[in-house]
Structure formats: structure tokens, C-alpha cells
């Protein structure tokens, strides 16, 4: 589905001032290409276009981002920059990889 939404030149200029490695987080339900706006797929695509220019990333809190699950987004801020924290193992992997307790 192609949306013919008009993007404001002023808004685009303001949003396109993203720094290298910028992150945009949409706090919303999953953003789908359908008639149910908001959230708007056209806006998501515009954000992604802006972020591609600076090596950034777009996240939506309502969409799966790790192990195909919707989980809270956690960012780590350090002198090197901002990174999305990722778990080493999913909860299921932790449970199944734990050794059984020994009797005796």
C-alpha cells in the first residue's frame, strides 16, 4: 500500500539534523502498512530514511526486536556512545542450559 502523505519541508529539515549513529524510538503499537494511523508507516519510513543517512537506527517499543519477542528496550550510554543492550541468552535458553541439581 502506497501512501501519498505530504512531508512538511520544515519538519523534514528539523528531523534530519540527526547526529551520526542517532536512535529514534517510537513508543507505540507495531507500525503496520495499513489504514490504522497512528502509528503511521509513512512517518516510520521517513525516520528510517533520515537515520540511514547517519548510520542510525529506528526502534518501535511494540515491535519484536530480540528473539522475535516484544521486550523493553534498554540502551547503554558510555563514552563510546549509545548502544542497544542485548541479552546473551533468551530466558528459555538459560532455563534449558542450566545443569540439573545433583542429588546427595
C-alpha atoms as a PDB file:
ATOM      1  CA  UNK A   1       0.000   0.000   0.000  1.00  0.00           C
ATOM      2  CA  UNK A   2       1.487   3.333  -1.043  1.00  0.00           C
ATOM      3  CA  UNK A   3       0.593   6.378   0.984  1.00  0.00           C
ATOM      4  CA  UNK A   4       0.711   9.793  -0.625  1.00  0.00           C
ATOM      5  CA  UNK A   5       1.332  11.645   2.631  1.00  0.00           C
ATOM      6  CA  UNK A   6       2.918  15.033   2.186  1.00  0.00           C
ATOM      7  CA  UNK A   7       6.026  15.628   4.262  1.00  0.00           C
ATOM      8  CA  UNK A   8       6.478  19.174   5.562  1.00  0.00           C
ATOM      9  CA  UNK A   9       9.780  20.614   4.342  1.00  0.00           C
ATOM     10  CA  UNK A  10      10.298  22.386   7.683  1.00  0.00           C
ATOM     11  CA  UNK A  11       9.609  19.221   9.675  1.00  0.00           C
ATOM     12  CA  UNK A  12      11.954  17.188   7.460  1.00  0.00           C
ATOM     13  CA  UNK A  13      14.732  19.756   7.915  1.00  0.00           C
ATOM     14  CA  UNK A  14      14.284  19.746  11.696  1.00  0.00           C
ATOM     15  CA  UNK A  15      14.272  15.945  11.914  1.00  0.00           C
ATOM     16  CA  UNK A  16      17.164  15.494   9.507  1.00  0.00           C
ATOM     17  CA  UNK A  17      19.590  17.167  11.910  1.00  0.00           C
ATOM     18  CA  UNK A  18      20.269  13.762  13.454  1.00  0.00           C
ATOM     19  CA  UNK A  19      23.821  13.104  14.615  1.00  0.00           C
ATOM     20  CA  UNK A  20      25.925  10.159  13.463  1.00  0.00           C
ATOM     21  CA  UNK A  21      24.543   6.933  14.984  1.00  0.00           C
ATOM     22  CA  UNK A  22      21.304   8.597  16.161  1.00  0.00           C
ATOM     23  CA  UNK A  23      18.446   6.491  17.547  1.00  0.00           C
ATOM     24  CA  UNK A  24      14.733   7.211  17.236  1.00  0.00           C
ATOM     25  CA  UNK A  25      12.345   5.277  19.473  1.00  0.00           C
ATOM     26  CA  UNK A  26       8.619   5.190  18.740  1.00  0.00           C
ATOM     27  CA  UNK A  27       6.601   4.352  21.821  1.00  0.00           C
ATOM     28  CA  UNK A  28       3.660   2.729  20.079  1.00  0.00           C
ATOM     29  CA  UNK A  29       1.956  -0.451  18.999  1.00  0.00           C
ATOM     30  CA  UNK A  30       3.521  -2.137  15.950  1.00  0.00           C
ATOM     31  CA  UNK A  31       3.684   0.153  12.926  1.00  0.00           C
ATOM     32  CA  UNK A  32       1.917  -1.604  10.060  1.00  0.00           C
ATOM     33  CA  UNK A  33       1.303  -0.673   6.438  1.00  0.00           C
ATOM     34  CA  UNK A  34      -2.447  -0.359   6.856  1.00  0.00           C
ATOM     35  CA  UNK A  35      -5.159   2.278   7.222  1.00  0.00           C
ATOM     36  CA  UNK A  36      -4.926   2.391  11.033  1.00  0.00           C
ATOM     37  CA  UNK A  37      -3.000   5.563  11.785  1.00  0.00           C
ATOM     38  CA  UNK A  38      -1.413   6.415  14.143  1.00  0.00           C
ATOM     39  CA  UNK A  39       1.141   4.985  14.170  1.00  0.00           C
ATOM     40  CA  UNK A  40       1.882   5.935  10.576  1.00  0.00           C
ATOM     41  CA  UNK A  41       4.023   3.752   8.292  1.00  0.00           C
ATOM     42  CA  UNK A  42       4.912   6.822   6.198  1.00  0.00           C
ATOM     43  CA  UNK A  43       6.427   8.527   9.243  1.00  0.00           C
ATOM     44  CA  UNK A  44       8.386   5.381  10.121  1.00  0.00           C
ATOM     45  CA  UNK A  45       9.786   5.227   6.602  1.00  0.00           C
ATOM     46  CA  UNK A  46      10.757   8.893   6.764  1.00  0.00           C
ATOM     47  CA  UNK A  47      12.568   8.361  10.085  1.00  0.00           C
ATOM     48  CA  UNK A  48      14.375   5.316   8.678  1.00  0.00           C
ATOM     49  CA  UNK A  49      15.467   7.320   5.627  1.00  0.00           C
ATOM     50  CA  UNK A  50      16.869  10.076   7.862  1.00  0.00           C
ATOM     51  CA  UNK A  51      18.637   7.541  10.069  1.00  0.00           C
ATOM     52  CA  UNK A  52      20.133   5.647   7.115  1.00  0.00           C
ATOM     53  CA  UNK A  53      21.936   8.853   6.167  1.00  0.00           C
ATOM     54  CA  UNK A  54      23.719   8.942   9.555  1.00  0.00           C
ATOM     55  CA  UNK A  55      24.116   5.236  10.306  1.00  0.00           C
ATOM     56  CA  UNK A  56      21.360   5.380  12.924  1.00  0.00           C
ATOM     57  CA  UNK A  57      18.559   3.034  13.921  1.00  0.00           C
ATOM     58  CA  UNK A  58      14.778   3.147  14.397  1.00  0.00           C
ATOM     59  CA  UNK A  59      13.055   1.165  17.138  1.00  0.00           C
ATOM     60  CA  UNK A  60       9.392   0.690  17.999  1.00  0.00           C
ATOM     61  CA  UNK A  61       8.569  -0.431  21.535  1.00  0.00           C
ATOM     62  CA  UNK A  62       5.619  -2.502  20.305  1.00  0.00           C
ATOM     63  CA  UNK A  63       7.574  -4.495  17.726  1.00  0.00           C
ATOM     64  CA  UNK A  64       9.729  -7.585  18.257  1.00  0.00           C
ATOM     65  CA  UNK A  65      13.419  -6.733  18.310  1.00  0.00           C
ATOM     66  CA  UNK A  66      15.161  -9.592  20.091  1.00  0.00           C
ATOM     67  CA  UNK A  67      14.482 -13.316  19.680  1.00  0.00           C
ATOM     68  CA  UNK A  68      11.237 -12.375  17.927  1.00  0.00           C
ATOM     69  CA  UNK A  69       9.762 -11.102  21.192  1.00  0.00           C
ATOM     70  CA  UNK A  70       8.464  -7.725  22.286  1.00  0.00           C
ATOM     71  CA  UNK A  71      10.720  -6.770  25.183  1.00  0.00           C
ATOM     72  CA  UNK A  72      11.635  -3.499  26.876  1.00  0.00           C
ATOM     73  CA  UNK A  73      14.341  -1.591  25.059  1.00  0.00           C
ATOM     74  CA  UNK A  74      17.417  -0.970  27.163  1.00  0.00           C
ATOM     75  CA  UNK A  75      20.160   1.347  25.991  1.00  0.00           C
ATOM     76  CA  UNK A  76      23.636   1.616  27.422  1.00  0.00           C
ATOM     77  CA  UNK A  77      25.272   5.031  27.414  1.00  0.00           C
ATOM     78  CA  UNK A  78      29.046   5.175  27.571  1.00  0.00           C
ATOM     79  CA  UNK A  79      31.838   7.456  26.415  1.00  0.00           C
ATOM     80  CA  UNK A  80      31.818   5.476  23.141  1.00  0.00           C
ATOM     81  CA  UNK A  81      28.163   6.304  22.536  1.00  0.00           C
ATOM     82  CA  UNK A  82      24.707   4.772  22.887  1.00  0.00           C
ATOM     83  CA  UNK A  83      24.088   1.104  22.159  1.00  0.00           C
ATOM     84  CA  UNK A  84      21.071  -1.161  22.469  1.00  0.00           C
ATOM     85  CA  UNK A  85      21.731  -3.683  25.215  1.00  0.00           C
ATOM     86  CA  UNK A  86      21.196  -7.245  24.061  1.00  0.00           C
ATOM     87  CA  UNK A  87      20.802 -10.279  26.258  1.00  0.00           C
ATOM     88  CA  UNK A  88      23.300 -13.062  25.630  1.00  0.00           C
ATOM     89  CA  UNK A  89      20.621 -15.720  26.019  1.00  0.00           C
ATOM     90  CA  UNK A  90      16.871 -15.809  25.992  1.00  0.00           C
ATOM     91  CA  UNK A  91      15.087 -16.955  29.154  1.00  0.00           C
ATOM     92  CA  UNK A  92      14.317 -20.322  27.510  1.00  0.00           C
ATOM     93  CA  UNK A  93      17.992 -20.857  26.665  1.00  0.00           C
ATOM     94  CA  UNK A  94      19.012 -20.030  30.230  1.00  0.00           C
ATOM     95  CA  UNK A  95      16.498 -22.490  31.677  1.00  0.00           C
ATOM     96  CA  UNK A  96      17.417 -25.318  29.310  1.00  0.00           C
ATOM     97  CA  UNK A  97      21.168 -24.783  29.603  1.00  0.00           C
ATOM     98  CA  UNK A  98      21.242 -24.895  33.415  1.00  0.00           C
ATOM     99  CA  UNK A  99      22.525 -28.197  34.800  1.00  0.00           C
ATOM    100  CA  UNK A 100      20.129 -30.265  36.856  1.00  0.00           C
ATOM    101  CA  UNK A 101      20.811 -30.180  40.606  1.00  0.00           C
ATOM    102  CA  UNK A 102      22.725 -33.189  41.875  1.00  0.00           C
ATOM    103  CA  UNK A 103      21.173 -35.437  44.475  1.00  0.00           C
ATOM    104  CA  UNK A 104      23.060 -36.307  47.618  1.00  0.00           C
END
